Amino acid sequence: MTSCNGFVYSMGAALLDRDEPWKVRYRTAPYLLAPQKDYECVGDVPNVVFPCAALCDAATGRLAIYLGAADTVTALAFAYVDELIAFTKENSLI
């Protein structure tokens, strides 16, 4: 049985300390990705996007992020690592 709890699950980013990875150095205040499209808002668990895996092409810095949406589909988003790091630092809660 699935029930709607009223929560919306979105995706953000965090940068950890290289030497002490349990320390969060930066964390995005705005979401990188939030449910907006029908396939993200309607499904077995509505209003949910969650990252499942990421692949990076070191030569180009292009990042492919696989994500689940509403527990019914898998989607793919793209970003560039340098832009993602800059955005995370510029829009950090910390």
PDB file of N, CA and C in Angstrom:
ATOM      1  N   MET A   1       0.842  -1.175   0.000  1.00  0.00           N
ATOM      2  CA  MET A   1       0.000   0.000   0.000  1.00  0.00           C
ATOM      3  C   MET A   1       0.883   1.233   0.000  1.00  0.00           C
ATOM      4  N   THR A   2       0.563   2.189  -0.839  1.00  0.00           N
ATOM      5  CA  THR A   2       1.314   3.428  -0.923  1.00  0.00           C
ATOM      6  C   THR A   2       0.431   4.564  -0.454  1.00  0.00           C
ATOM      7  N   SER A   3       0.970   5.386   0.384  1.00  0.00           N
ATOM      8  CA  SER A   3       0.208   6.552   0.808  1.00  0.00           C
ATOM      9  C   SER A   3       1.045   7.795   0.553  1.00  0.00           C
ATOM     10  N   CYS A   4       0.401   8.884   0.275  1.00  0.00           N
ATOM     11  CA  CYS A   4       1.098  10.143   0.026  1.00  0.00           C
ATOM     12  C   CYS A   4       1.311  10.843   1.358  1.00  0.00           C
ATOM     13  N   ASN A   5       2.554  11.165   1.676  1.00  0.00           N
ATOM     14  CA  ASN A   5       2.845  11.813   2.952  1.00  0.00           C
ATOM     15  C   ASN A   5       2.981  13.323   2.824  1.00  0.00           C
ATOM     16  N   GLY A   6       2.850  13.847   1.622  1.00  0.00           N
ATOM     17  CA  GLY A   6       2.932  15.283   1.422  1.00  0.00           C
ATOM     18  C   GLY A   6       4.338  15.818   1.237  1.00  0.00           C
ATOM     19  N   PHE A   7       5.349  14.972   1.330  1.00  0.00           N
ATOM     20  CA  PHE A   7       6.727  15.405   1.140  1.00  0.00           C
ATOM     21  C   PHE A   7       7.080  15.426  -0.344  1.00  0.00           C
ATOM     22  N   VAL A   8       8.010  16.293  -0.691  1.00  0.00           N
ATOM     23  CA  VAL A   8       8.578  16.330  -2.027  1.00  0.00           C
ATOM     24  C   VAL A   8      10.061  16.018  -1.881  1.00  0.00           C
ATOM     25  N   TYR A   9      10.549  15.040  -2.632  1.00  0.00           N
ATOM     26  CA  TYR A   9      11.939  14.630  -2.554  1.00  0.00           C
ATOM     27  C   TYR A   9      12.698  15.153  -3.767  1.00  0.00           C
ATOM     28  N   SER A  10      13.716  15.967  -3.497  1.00  0.00           N
ATOM     29  CA  SER A  10      14.483  16.629  -4.534  1.00  0.00           C
ATOM     30  C   SER A  10      15.963  16.294  -4.377  1.00  0.00           C
ATOM     31  N   MET A  11      16.774  16.743  -5.336  1.00  0.00           N
ATOM     32  CA  MET A  11      18.191  16.412  -5.348  1.00  0.00           C
ATOM     33  C   MET A  11      19.035  17.675  -5.176  1.00  0.00           C
ATOM     34  N   GLY A  12      20.006  17.589  -4.296  1.00  0.00           N
ATOM     35  CA  GLY A  12      20.969  18.662  -4.093  1.00  0.00           C
ATOM     36  C   GLY A  12      22.374  18.113  -4.260  1.00  0.00           C
ATOM     37  N   ALA A  13      23.364  18.896  -3.856  1.00  0.00           N
ATOM     38  CA  ALA A  13      24.759  18.458  -3.948  1.00  0.00           C
ATOM     39  C   ALA A  13      25.506  18.883  -2.686  1.00  0.00           C
ATOM     40  N   ALA A  14      26.541  18.130  -2.366  1.00  0.00           N
ATOM     41  CA  ALA A  14      27.405  18.468  -1.249  1.00  0.00           C
ATOM     42  C   ALA A  14      28.850  18.202  -1.656  1.00  0.00           C
ATOM     43  N   LEU A  15      29.756  19.021  -1.155  1.00  0.00           N
ATOM     44  CA  LEU A  15      31.184  18.814  -1.365  1.00  0.00           C
ATOM     45  C   LEU A  15      31.802  18.503  -0.013  1.00  0.00           C
ATOM     46  N   LEU A  16      32.506  17.370   0.055  1.00  0.00           N
ATOM     47  CA  LEU A  16      33.106  16.914   1.294  1.00  0.00           C
ATOM     48  C   LEU A  16      34.580  17.258   1.332  1.00  0.00           C
ATOM     49  N   ASP A  17      35.125  17.372   2.523  1.00  0.00           N
ATOM     50  CA  ASP A  17      36.549  17.607   2.702  1.00  0.00           C
ATOM     51  C   ASP A  17      37.330  16.403   2.175  1.00  0.00           C
ATOM     52  N   ARG A  18      38.379  16.662   1.413  1.00  0.00           N
ATOM     53  CA  ARG A  18      39.163  15.578   0.802  1.00  0.00           C
ATOM     54  C   ARG A  18      39.851  14.708   1.854  1.00  0.00           C
ATOM     55  N   ASP A  19      40.397  15.321   2.894  1.00  0.00           N
ATOM     56  CA  ASP A  19      41.133  14.576   3.915  1.00  0.00           C
ATOM     57  C   ASP A  19      40.239  14.045   5.033  1.00  0.00           C
ATOM     58  N   GLU A  20      39.153  14.740   5.294  1.00  0.00           N
ATOM     59  CA  GLU A  20      38.204  14.330   6.334  1.00  0.00           C
ATOM     60  C   GLU A  20      36.802  14.300   5.719  1.00  0.00           C
ATOM     61  N   PRO A  21      36.506  13.241   4.958  1.00  0.00           N
ATOM     62  CA  PRO A  21      35.270  13.204   4.170  1.00  0.00           C
ATOM     63  C   PRO A  21      33.978  13.204   4.985  1.00  0.00           C
ATOM     64  N   TRP A  22      34.051  13.076   6.270  1.00  0.00           N
ATOM     65  CA  TRP A  22      32.851  13.167   7.096  1.00  0.00           C
ATOM     66  C   TRP A  22      32.467  14.635   7.326  1.00  0.00           C
ATOM     67  N   LYS A  23      33.339  15.559   6.925  1.00  0.00           N
ATOM     68  CA  LYS A  23      33.057  16.984   7.055  1.00  0.00           C
ATOM     69  C   LYS A  23      32.493  17.530   5.744  1.00  0.00           C
ATOM     70  N   VAL A  24      31.323  18.129   5.837  1.00  0.00           N
ATOM     71  CA  VAL A  24      30.691  18.747   4.673  1.00  0.00           C
ATOM     72  C   VAL A  24      31.199  20.178   4.567  1.00  0.00           C
ATOM     73  N   ARG A  25      31.817  20.510   3.440  1.00  0.00           N
ATOM     74  CA  ARG A  25      32.363  21.855   3.219  1.00  0.00           C
ATOM     75  C   ARG A  25      31.328  22.794   2.596  1.00  0.00           C
ATOM     76  N   TYR A  26      30.556  22.266   1.642  1.00  0.00           N
ATOM     77  CA  TYR A  26      29.531  23.048   0.950  1.00  0.00           C
ATOM     78  C   TYR A  26      28.318  22.160   0.719  1.00  0.00           C
ATOM     79  N   ARG A  27      27.141  22.783   0.745  1.00  0.00           N
ATOM     80  CA  ARG A  27      25.905  22.049   0.452  1.00  0.00           C
ATOM     81  C   ARG A  27      24.923  23.017  -0.196  1.00  0.00           C
ATOM     82  N   THR A  28      24.351  22.616  -1.303  1.00  0.00           N
ATOM     83  CA  THR A  28      23.482  23.526  -2.041  1.00  0.00           C
ATOM     84  C   THR A  28      22.236  23.894  -1.240  1.00  0.00           C
ATOM     85  N   ALA A  29      21.915  25.186  -1.264  1.00  0.00           N
ATOM     86  CA  ALA A  29      20.656  25.650  -0.679  1.00  0.00           C
ATOM     87  C   ALA A  29      19.507  25.375  -1.653  1.00  0.00           C
ATOM     88  N   PRO A  30      19.624  25.832  -2.911  1.00  0.00           N
ATOM     89  CA  PRO A  30      18.559  25.483  -3.863  1.00  0.00           C
ATOM     90  C   PRO A  30      18.761  24.058  -4.363  1.00  0.00           C
ATOM     91  N   TYR A  31      17.684  23.431  -4.743  1.00  0.00           N
ATOM     92  CA  TYR A  31      17.774  22.084  -5.297  1.00  0.00           C
ATOM     93  C   TYR A  31      18.393  22.127  -6.684  1.00  0.00           C
ATOM     94  N   LEU A  32      19.132  21.095  -7.007  1.00  0.00           N
ATOM     95  CA  LEU A  32      19.637  20.942  -8.370  1.00  0.00           C
ATOM     96  C   LEU A  32      18.530  20.430  -9.275  1.00  0.00           C
ATOM     97  N   LEU A  33      17.718  19.558  -8.715  1.00  0.00           N
ATOM     98  CA  LEU A  33      16.637  18.952  -9.478  1.00  0.00           C
ATOM     99  C   LEU A  33      15.478  18.669  -8.528  1.00  0.00           C
ATOM    100  N   ALA A  34      14.300  19.077  -8.919  1.00  0.00           N
ATOM    101  CA  ALA A  34      13.090  18.848  -8.121  1.00  0.00           C
ATOM    102  C   ALA A  34      11.986  18.364  -9.051  1.00  0.00           C
ATOM    103  N   PRO A  35      11.047  17.569  -8.539  1.00  0.00           N
ATOM    104  CA  PRO A  35       9.987  17.057  -9.396  1.00  0.00           C
ATOM    105  C   PRO A  35       9.128  18.184  -9.975  1.00  0.00           C
ATOM    106  N   GLN A  36       9.010  18.185 -11.299  1.00  0.00           N
ATOM    107  CA  GLN A  36       8.196  19.176 -11.997  1.00  0.00           C
ATOM    108  C   GLN A  36       7.368  18.540 -13.105  1.00  0.00           C
ATOM    109  N   LYS A  37       7.965  17.604 -13.818  1.00  0.00           N
ATOM    110  CA  LYS A  37       7.287  16.965 -14.948  1.00  0.00           C
ATOM    111  C   LYS A  37       6.298  15.921 -14.440  1.00  0.00           C
ATOM    112  N   ASP A  38       5.313  15.582 -15.267  1.00  0.00           N
ATOM    113  CA  ASP A  38       4.307  14.593 -14.869  1.00  0.00           C
ATOM    114  C   ASP A  38       4.927  13.283 -14.417  1.00  0.00           C
ATOM    115  N   TYR A  39       5.956  12.802 -15.140  1.00  0.00           N
ATOM    116  CA  TYR A  39       6.561  11.514 -14.801  1.00  0.00           C
ATOM    117  C   TYR A  39       7.328  11.561 -13.475  1.00  0.00           C
ATOM    118  N   GLU A  40       7.583  12.765 -12.951  1.00  0.00           N
ATOM    119  CA  GLU A  40       8.225  12.915 -11.648  1.00  0.00           C
ATOM    120  C   GLU A  40       7.191  13.131 -10.539  1.00  0.00           C
ATOM    121  N   CYS A  41       6.044  13.633 -10.920  1.00  0.00           N
ATOM    122  CA  CYS A  41       5.015  14.008  -9.942  1.00  0.00           C
ATOM    123  C   CYS A  41       3.922  12.970  -9.777  1.00  0.00           C
ATOM    124  N   VAL A  42       3.745  12.100 -10.763  1.00  0.00           N
ATOM    125  CA  VAL A  42       2.664  11.115 -10.722  1.00  0.00           C
ATOM    126  C   VAL A  42       3.264   9.731 -10.897  1.00  0.00           C
ATOM    127  N   GLY A  43       2.955   8.827  -9.965  1.00  0.00           N
ATOM    128  CA  GLY A  43       3.478   7.470 -10.040  1.00  0.00           C
ATOM    129  C   GLY A  43       3.237   6.733  -8.745  1.00  0.00           C
ATOM    130  N   ASP A  44       3.982   5.663  -8.537  1.00  0.00           N
ATOM    131  CA  ASP A  44       3.821   4.869  -7.318  1.00  0.00           C
ATOM    132  C   ASP A  44       4.108   5.706  -6.067  1.00  0.00           C
ATOM    133  N   VAL A  45       5.127   6.532  -6.126  1.00  0.00           N
ATOM    134  CA  VAL A  45       5.440   7.478  -5.052  1.00  0.00           C
ATOM    135  C   VAL A  45       5.560   8.850  -5.701  1.00  0.00           C
ATOM    136  N   PRO A  46       4.530   9.688  -5.608  1.00  0.00           N
ATOM    137  CA  PRO A  46       4.531  10.965  -6.323  1.00  0.00           C
ATOM    138  C   PRO A  46       5.515  11.975  -5.742  1.00  0.00           C
ATOM    139  N   ASN A  47       5.891  12.930  -6.587  1.00  0.00           N
ATOM    140  CA  ASN A  47       6.734  14.067  -6.200  1.00  0.00           C
ATOM    141  C   ASN A  47       8.110  13.647  -5.698  1.00  0.00           C
ATOM    142  N   VAL A  48       8.748  12.738  -6.433  1.00  0.00           N
ATOM    143  CA  VAL A  48      10.043  12.219  -6.014  1.00  0.00           C
ATOM    144  C   VAL A  48      11.012  12.159  -7.190  1.00  0.00           C
ATOM    145  N   VAL A  49      12.212  12.703  -6.991  1.00  0.00           N
ATOM    146  CA  VAL A  49      13.351  12.431  -7.859  1.00  0.00           C
ATOM    147  C   VAL A  49      14.508  12.036  -6.947  1.00  0.00           C
ATOM    148  N   PHE A  50      15.248  11.017  -7.332  1.00  0.00           N
ATOM    149  CA  PHE A  50      16.365  10.581  -6.503  1.00  0.00           C
ATOM    150  C   PHE A  50      17.480  10.036  -7.380  1.00  0.00           C
ATOM    151  N   PRO A  51      18.719  10.514  -7.153  1.00  0.00           N
ATOM    152  CA  PRO A  51      19.847  10.035  -7.949  1.00  0.00           C
ATOM    153  C   PRO A  51      20.158   8.591  -7.614  1.00  0.00           C
ATOM    154  N   CYS A  52      20.488   7.824  -8.654  1.00  0.00           N
ATOM    155  CA  CYS A  52      20.809   6.397  -8.489  1.00  0.00           C
ATOM    156  C   CYS A  52      22.271   6.120  -8.807  1.00  0.00           C
ATOM    157  N   ALA A  53      22.820   6.826  -9.779  1.00  0.00           N
ATOM    158  CA  ALA A  53      24.194   6.597 -10.215  1.00  0.00           C
ATOM    159  C   ALA A  53      24.666   7.815 -10.995  1.00  0.00           C
ATOM    160  N   ALA A  54      25.975   7.955 -11.096  1.00  0.00           N
ATOM    161  CA  ALA A  54      26.554   9.032 -11.894  1.00  0.00           C
ATOM    162  C   ALA A  54      27.800   8.522 -12.590  1.00  0.00           C
ATOM    163  N   LEU A  55      27.968   8.933 -13.819  1.00  0.00           N
ATOM    164  CA  LEU A  55      29.155   8.595 -14.605  1.00  0.00           C
ATOM    165  C   LEU A  55      29.783   9.894 -15.080  1.00  0.00           C
ATOM    166  N   CYS A  56      31.102   9.962 -15.011  1.00  0.00           N
ATOM    167  CA  CYS A  56      31.807  11.175 -15.429  1.00  0.00           C
ATOM    168  C   CYS A  56      32.775  10.846 -16.556  1.00  0.00           C
ATOM    169  N   ASP A  57      32.738  11.644 -17.610  1.00  0.00           N
ATOM    170  CA  ASP A  57      33.717  11.555 -18.689  1.00  0.00           C
ATOM    171  C   ASP A  57      34.843  12.512 -18.332  1.00  0.00           C
ATOM    172  N   ALA A  58      35.960  11.968 -17.873  1.00  0.00           N
ATOM    173  CA  ALA A  58      37.071  12.786 -17.391  1.00  0.00           C
ATOM    174  C   ALA A  58      37.596  13.736 -18.465  1.00  0.00           C
ATOM    175  N   ALA A  59      37.576  13.322 -19.708  1.00  0.00           N
ATOM    176  CA  ALA A  59      38.121  14.147 -20.791  1.00  0.00           C
ATOM    177  C   ALA A  59      37.314  15.430 -21.002  1.00  0.00           C
ATOM    178  N   THR A  60      35.997  15.352 -20.849  1.00  0.00           N
ATOM    179  CA  THR A  60      35.144  16.516 -21.097  1.00  0.00           C
ATOM    180  C   THR A  60      34.587  17.133 -19.821  1.00  0.00           C
ATOM    181  N   GLY A  61      34.631  16.398 -18.706  1.00  0.00           N
ATOM    182  CA  GLY A  61      34.043  16.874 -17.459  1.00  0.00           C
ATOM    183  C   GLY A  61      32.534  16.748 -17.436  1.00  0.00           C
ATOM    184  N   ARG A  62      31.982  16.053 -18.421  1.00  0.00           N
ATOM    185  CA  ARG A  62      30.524  15.884 -18.490  1.00  0.00           C
ATOM    186  C   ARG A  62      30.095  14.784 -17.530  1.00  0.00           C
ATOM    187  N   LEU A  63      29.073  15.080 -16.767  1.00  0.00           N
ATOM    188  CA  LEU A  63      28.538  14.165 -15.770  1.00  0.00           C
ATOM    189  C   LEU A  63      27.149  13.716 -16.193  1.00  0.00           C
ATOM    190  N   ALA A  64      26.931  12.409 -16.227  1.00  0.00           N
ATOM    191  CA  ALA A  64      25.611  11.849 -16.508  1.00  0.00           C
ATOM    192  C   ALA A  64      25.048  11.327 -15.192  1.00  0.00           C
ATOM    193  N   ILE A  65      23.891  11.842 -14.797  1.00  0.00           N
ATOM    194  CA  ILE A  65      23.275  11.463 -13.530  1.00  0.00           C
ATOM    195  C   ILE A  65      21.987  10.702 -13.825  1.00  0.00           C
ATOM    196  N   TYR A  66      21.972   9.437 -13.429  1.00  0.00           N
ATOM    197  CA  TYR A  66      20.774   8.619 -13.567  1.00  0.00           C
ATOM    198  C   TYR A  66      19.924   8.821 -12.321  1.00  0.00           C
ATOM    199  N   LEU A  67      18.623   9.023 -12.525  1.00  0.00           N
ATOM    200  CA  LEU A  67      17.758   9.262 -11.382  1.00  0.00           C
ATOM    201  C   LEU A  67      16.427   8.563 -11.557  1.00  0.00           C
ATOM    202  N   GLY A  68      15.848   8.214 -10.435  1.00  0.00           N
ATOM    203  CA  GLY A  68      14.511   7.652 -10.426  1.00  0.00           C
ATOM    204  C   GLY A  68      13.514   8.779 -10.267  1.00  0.00           C
ATOM    205  N   ALA A  69      12.318   8.562 -10.800  1.00  0.00           N
ATOM    206  CA  ALA A  69      11.270   9.573 -10.711  1.00  0.00           C
ATOM    207  C   ALA A  69       9.944   8.893 -10.394  1.00  0.00           C
ATOM    208  N   ALA A  70       9.327   9.315  -9.298  1.00  0.00           N
ATOM    209  CA  ALA A  70       8.026   8.816  -8.853  1.00  0.00           C
ATOM    210  C   ALA A  70       7.983   7.289  -8.739  1.00  0.00           C
ATOM    211  N   ASP A  71       9.141   6.675  -8.546  1.00  0.00           N
ATOM    212  CA  ASP A  71       9.268   5.213  -8.423  1.00  0.00           C
ATOM    213  C   ASP A  71       8.676   4.445  -9.596  1.00  0.00           C
ATOM    214  N   THR A  72       8.609   5.102 -10.759  1.00  0.00           N
ATOM    215  CA  THR A  72       8.061   4.416 -11.931  1.00  0.00           C
ATOM    216  C   THR A  72       8.973   4.497 -13.149  1.00  0.00           C
ATOM    217  N   VAL A  73       9.859   5.488 -13.199  1.00  0.00           N
ATOM    218  CA  VAL A  73      10.722   5.656 -14.367  1.00  0.00           C
ATOM    219  C   VAL A  73      12.149   5.971 -13.941  1.00  0.00           C
ATOM    220  N   THR A  74      13.060   5.761 -14.871  1.00  0.00           N
ATOM    221  CA  THR A  74      14.445   6.179 -14.706  1.00  0.00           C
ATOM    222  C   THR A  74      14.704   7.281 -15.718  1.00  0.00           C
ATOM    223  N   ALA A  75      15.351   8.341 -15.269  1.00  0.00           N
ATOM    224  CA  ALA A  75      15.635   9.479 -16.135  1.00  0.00           C
ATOM    225  C   ALA A  75      17.147   9.726 -16.145  1.00  0.00           C
ATOM    226  N   LEU A  76      17.566  10.614 -17.015  1.00  0.00           N
ATOM    227  CA  LEU A  76      18.976  10.931 -17.158  1.00  0.00           C
ATOM    228  C   LEU A  76      19.138  12.441 -17.256  1.00  0.00           C
ATOM    229  N   ALA A  77      20.005  12.995 -16.408  1.00  0.00           N
ATOM    230  CA  ALA A  77      20.298  14.433 -16.433  1.00  0.00           C
ATOM    231  C   ALA A  77      21.796  14.602 -16.674  1.00  0.00           C
ATOM    232  N   PHE A  78      22.164  15.709 -17.280  1.00  0.00           N
ATOM    233  CA  PHE A  78      23.565  15.978 -17.575  1.00  0.00           C
ATOM    234  C   PHE A  78      24.009  17.286 -16.924  1.00  0.00           C
ATOM    235  N   ALA A  79      25.267  17.325 -16.538  1.00  0.00           N
ATOM    236  CA  ALA A  79      25.880  18.535 -15.988  1.00  0.00           C
ATOM    237  C   ALA A  79      27.372  18.475 -16.289  1.00  0.00           C
ATOM    238  N   TYR A  80      28.052  19.575 -16.061  1.00  0.00           N
ATOM    239  CA  TYR A  80      29.511  19.596 -16.143  1.00  0.00           C
ATOM    240  C   TYR A  80      30.054  19.756 -14.726  1.00  0.00           C
ATOM    241  N   VAL A  81      31.046  18.952 -14.401  1.00  0.00           N
ATOM    242  CA  VAL A  81      31.585  18.914 -13.048  1.00  0.00           C
ATOM    243  C   VAL A  81      32.010  20.301 -12.575  1.00  0.00           C
ATOM    244  N   ASP A  82      32.758  21.035 -13.377  1.00  0.00           N
ATOM    245  CA  ASP A  82      33.229  22.368 -12.971  1.00  0.00           C
ATOM    246  C   ASP A  82      32.061  23.308 -12.664  1.00  0.00           C
ATOM    247  N   GLU A  83      31.020  23.266 -13.483  1.00  0.00           N
ATOM    248  CA  GLU A  83      29.854  24.121 -13.261  1.00  0.00           C
ATOM    249  C   GLU A  83      29.099  23.695 -12.001  1.00  0.00           C
ATOM    250  N   LEU A  84      29.010  22.398 -11.790  1.00  0.00           N
ATOM    251  CA  LEU A  84      28.317  21.875 -10.612  1.00  0.00           C
ATOM    252  C   LEU A  84      29.056  22.249  -9.324  1.00  0.00           C
ATOM    253  N   ILE A  85      30.369  22.148  -9.336  1.00  0.00           N
ATOM    254  CA  ILE A  85      31.171  22.537  -8.166  1.00  0.00           C
ATOM    255  C   ILE A  85      31.029  24.034  -7.905  1.00  0.00           C
ATOM    256  N   ALA A  86      31.134  24.841  -8.952  1.00  0.00           N
ATOM    257  CA  ALA A  86      30.989  26.284  -8.794  1.00  0.00           C
ATOM    258  C   ALA A  86      29.609  26.646  -8.251  1.00  0.00           C
ATOM    259  N   PHE A  87      28.563  26.038  -8.792  1.00  0.00           N
ATOM    260  CA  PHE A  87      27.201  26.303  -8.331  1.00  0.00           C
ATOM    261  C   PHE A  87      27.040  25.928  -6.861  1.00  0.00           C
ATOM    262  N   THR A  88      27.600  24.781  -6.482  1.00  0.00           N
ATOM    263  CA  THR A  88      27.496  24.314  -5.105  1.00  0.00           C
ATOM    264  C   THR A  88      28.177  25.291  -4.150  1.00  0.00           C
ATOM    265  N   LYS A  89      29.351  25.773  -4.517  1.00  0.00           N
ATOM    266  CA  LYS A  89      30.060  26.726  -3.666  1.00  0.00           C
ATOM    267  C   LYS A  89      29.357  28.071  -3.589  1.00  0.00           C
ATOM    268  N   GLU A  90      28.838  28.550  -4.721  1.00  0.00           N
ATOM    269  CA  GLU A  90      28.184  29.864  -4.783  1.00  0.00           C
ATOM    270  C   GLU A  90      26.824  29.870  -4.108  1.00  0.00           C
ATOM    271  N   ASN A  91      26.198  28.702  -3.975  1.00  0.00           N
ATOM    272  CA  ASN A  91      24.844  28.616  -3.432  1.00  0.00           C
ATOM    273  C   ASN A  91      24.789  27.720  -2.206  1.00  0.00           C
ATOM    274  N   SER A  92      25.817  27.786  -1.379  1.00  0.00           N
ATOM    275  CA  SER A  92      25.930  26.888  -0.239  1.00  0.00           C
ATOM    276  C   SER A  92      25.196  27.402   0.996  1.00  0.00           C
ATOM    277  N   LEU A  93      24.640  26.458   1.745  1.00  0.00           N
ATOM    278  CA  LEU A  93      24.034  26.750   3.040  1.00  0.00           C
ATOM    279  C   LEU A  93      25.090  26.995   4.106  1.00  0.00           C
ATOM    280  N   ILE A  94      26.260  26.435   3.867  1.00  0.00           N
ATOM    281  CA  ILE A  94      27.327  26.469   4.884  1.00  0.00           C
ATOM    282  C   ILE A  94      28.284  27.605   4.590  1.00  0.00           C
TER     283      ILE A  94
END
